[in-house]
Amino acid sequence: MAWDSSFKNILKHTLKSADVITETDVPTANLRIDFIIKRKEEIIPPFAITSKSTIVGEFKSERDIFNLNELHKSIAKVYLLSTSEDYQDLCLFYLVASTSSIPVTILDNYEVDEVAKGIFKIRHNVEIFIILLNLLDYTKENYFLGLFASKKKRADVI
């Protein structure tokens, strides 16, 4: 829980070119979204990989499980959220610190393309990106994301 809270606070502090909303309730369901980023202008990588104006985000720390079931829950959240917003303008971002590979069950069920180092796009009706924090190339703009990667990667970033 502490990782989640820290991640959301740093995200809000760092992304000055966007409105960042954390812990959002999903209409008509008893579910929460970790964060929503509403772009106002250009945004830093890896978030800049999408042209969508609204990024719905889930963060999985080293202690969290990331699997096909969790992905499906997040896709459902996007569709439920689309009752209040056009899902064509929504993008799902999954930031994952717990692994350095896409789970086999996801690869077995979806076509997945690596679009940049550590950034994978799932072919789906909703635009979905999985960001593996242990593989991501860090720059001065996005180094803060490395603080939430695995212990070894975190040490490299620090």
Protein backbone atom coordinates (compact mmCIF):
# COMPACT_ATOMS: atom_id res chain seq x y z
CA MET A 1 0.00 0.00 0.00
CA ALA A 2 2.86 2.41 0.77
CA TRP A 3 4.32 1.90 -2.74
CA ASP A 4 0.94 2.63 -4.29
CA SER A 5 0.45 5.80 -2.31
CA SER A 6 4.00 7.03 -2.97
CA PHE A 7 3.68 6.33 -6.69
CA LYS A 8 0.45 8.30 -6.97
CA ASN A 9 1.80 11.27 -5.02
CA ILE A 10 4.97 11.47 -7.10
CA LEU A 11 2.96 11.09 -10.31
CA LYS A 12 0.74 14.02 -9.32
CA HIS A 13 3.78 16.12 -8.40
CA THR A 14 5.79 15.29 -11.53
CA LEU A 15 3.22 15.46 -14.34
CA LYS A 16 2.66 19.19 -14.38
CA SER A 17 1.38 19.16 -17.98
CA ALA A 18 -1.64 17.04 -17.05
CA ASP A 19 -4.39 16.70 -14.51
CA VAL A 20 -3.74 13.59 -12.41
CA ILE A 21 -6.61 12.13 -10.45
CA THR A 22 -5.93 9.22 -8.10
CA GLU A 23 -8.20 6.60 -6.53
CA THR A 24 -11.16 7.20 -8.82
CA ASP A 25 -14.40 5.32 -8.30
CA VAL A 26 -15.79 3.60 -11.37
CA PRO A 27 -19.45 4.49 -11.99
CA THR A 28 -21.97 1.67 -11.47
CA ALA A 29 -19.40 -0.62 -9.86
CA ASN A 30 -17.61 -1.03 -6.57
CA LEU A 31 -14.20 -0.66 -8.23
CA ARG A 32 -11.38 1.87 -8.10
CA ILE A 33 -8.90 3.03 -10.71
CA ASP A 34 -5.38 3.81 -9.46
CA PHE A 35 -4.98 6.97 -11.51
CA ILE A 36 -6.35 8.93 -14.44
CA ILE A 37 -4.20 11.33 -16.43
CA LYS A 38 -5.99 13.98 -18.47
CA ARG A 39 -3.54 15.52 -20.87
CA LYS A 40 -3.50 19.28 -21.26
CA GLU A 41 -0.46 19.42 -23.54
CA GLU A 42 2.57 17.28 -24.40
CA ILE A 43 3.46 14.78 -21.73
CA ILE A 44 6.63 12.89 -20.79
CA PRO A 45 7.53 9.38 -21.92
CA PRO A 46 6.29 6.70 -21.59
CA PHE A 47 2.87 8.39 -21.33
CA ALA A 48 3.52 10.26 -24.58
CA ILE A 49 3.30 6.99 -26.53
CA THR A 50 -0.47 7.43 -26.81
CA SER A 51 -2.34 10.22 -28.55
CA LYS A 52 -5.43 9.62 -26.40
CA SER A 53 -6.34 12.52 -24.12
CA THR A 54 -7.22 10.35 -21.12
CA ILE A 55 -4.97 7.65 -19.68
CA VAL A 56 -6.54 5.23 -17.22
CA GLY A 57 -3.72 3.73 -15.18
CA GLU A 58 -3.06 0.80 -12.93
CA PHE A 59 0.17 0.45 -10.95
CA LYS A 60 1.43 -2.93 -9.77
CA SER A 61 4.29 -2.78 -7.27
CA GLU A 62 6.71 -5.63 -6.61
CA ARG A 63 4.26 -7.01 -4.05
CA ASP A 64 1.24 -7.02 -6.40
CA ILE A 65 0.11 -9.76 -8.75
CA PHE A 66 0.05 -9.05 -12.46
CA ASN A 67 -1.71 -11.67 -14.56
CA LEU A 68 -4.46 -12.16 -17.15
CA ASN A 69 -7.20 -11.91 -14.53
CA GLU A 70 -5.88 -8.54 -13.29
CA LEU A 71 -5.65 -7.28 -16.87
CA HIS A 72 -9.26 -8.30 -17.52
CA LYS A 73 -10.40 -6.47 -14.38
CA SER A 74 -8.68 -3.32 -15.61
CA ILE A 75 -10.19 -3.61 -19.09
CA ALA A 76 -13.61 -3.94 -17.43
CA LYS A 77 -12.90 -0.78 -15.43
CA VAL A 78 -12.17 1.11 -18.66
CA TYR A 79 -15.43 -0.04 -20.23
CA LEU A 80 -17.37 0.86 -17.08
CA LEU A 81 -15.66 4.24 -16.97
CA SER A 82 -16.64 4.76 -20.61
CA THR A 83 -20.26 5.14 -19.49
CA SER A 84 -19.21 8.64 -18.48
CA GLU A 85 -16.52 9.16 -21.14
CA ASP A 86 -16.02 8.01 -24.72
CA TYR A 87 -13.93 4.83 -24.57
CA GLN A 88 -12.43 5.73 -27.96
CA ASP A 89 -10.60 8.54 -26.16
CA LEU A 90 -9.41 6.34 -23.27
CA CYS A 91 -6.16 4.42 -23.05
CA LEU A 92 -5.23 1.84 -20.40
CA PHE A 93 -1.71 1.98 -19.00
CA TYR A 94 -0.43 -0.80 -16.80
CA LEU A 95 2.79 0.13 -14.96
CA VAL A 96 4.31 -3.08 -13.61
CA ALA A 97 7.27 -3.40 -11.23
CA SER A 98 6.80 -7.06 -10.32
CA THR A 99 8.16 -8.68 -13.48
CA SER A 100 10.51 -8.26 -16.44
CA SER A 101 8.28 -10.15 -18.87
CA ILE A 102 4.69 -10.27 -20.00
CA PRO A 103 2.91 -13.22 -18.33
CA VAL A 104 2.48 -16.21 -20.65
CA THR A 105 -1.28 -16.26 -20.08
CA ILE A 106 -1.53 -12.76 -21.56
CA LEU A 107 0.70 -13.70 -24.50
CA ASP A 108 -1.50 -16.77 -25.10
CA ASN A 109 -4.68 -14.67 -25.21
CA TYR A 110 -3.61 -11.44 -26.91
CA GLU A 111 -1.35 -10.22 -29.67
CA VAL A 112 1.33 -8.20 -27.94
CA ASP A 113 3.87 -5.96 -29.68
CA GLU A 114 6.92 -4.37 -28.09
CA VAL A 115 6.76 -0.76 -29.32
CA ALA A 116 9.76 0.51 -27.36
CA LYS A 117 12.10 -0.92 -24.75
CA GLY A 118 9.89 -2.01 -21.86
CA ILE A 119 6.68 -0.76 -23.51
CA PHE A 120 4.24 -3.31 -24.90
CA LYS A 121 0.98 -2.69 -26.76
CA ILE A 122 -1.86 -5.18 -26.59
CA ARG A 123 -4.09 -5.41 -29.64
CA HIS A 124 -7.59 -4.80 -28.34
CA ASN A 125 -10.62 -2.51 -28.91
CA VAL A 126 -9.26 -0.33 -26.13
CA GLU A 127 -5.71 0.97 -26.53
CA ILE A 128 -3.66 -0.89 -23.89
CA PHE A 129 0.00 -0.43 -22.97
CA ILE A 130 1.95 -2.45 -20.46
CA ILE A 131 5.02 -0.66 -19.12
CA LEU A 132 7.53 -3.01 -17.51
CA LEU A 133 9.43 -0.69 -15.19
CA ASN A 134 12.37 -3.11 -14.92
CA LEU A 135 13.01 -2.83 -18.68
CA LEU A 136 12.13 0.80 -19.40
CA ASP A 137 14.81 3.21 -20.63
CA TYR A 138 14.97 6.06 -18.17
CA THR A 139 15.64 9.69 -19.04
CA LYS A 140 15.86 12.85 -16.98
CA GLU A 141 12.13 13.34 -17.58
CA ASN A 142 10.89 9.96 -16.39
CA TYR A 143 13.60 8.74 -13.99
CA PHE A 144 11.10 8.93 -11.11
CA LEU A 145 9.35 5.83 -12.50
CA GLY A 146 12.54 3.87 -11.85
CA LEU A 147 12.04 4.44 -8.14
CA PHE A 148 9.15 1.99 -8.37
CA ALA A 149 10.92 -0.74 -10.33
CA SER A 150 12.54 -3.80 -8.73
CA LYS A 151 15.24 -3.28 -6.10
CA LYS A 152 18.11 -3.83 -8.56
CA LYS A 153 16.70 -1.47 -11.19
CA ARG A 154 15.81 1.06 -8.51
CA ALA A 155 19.43 1.06 -7.31
CA ASP A 156 20.62 1.67 -10.89
CA VAL A 157 18.25 4.61 -11.31
CA ILE A 158 19.16 6.16 -7.96
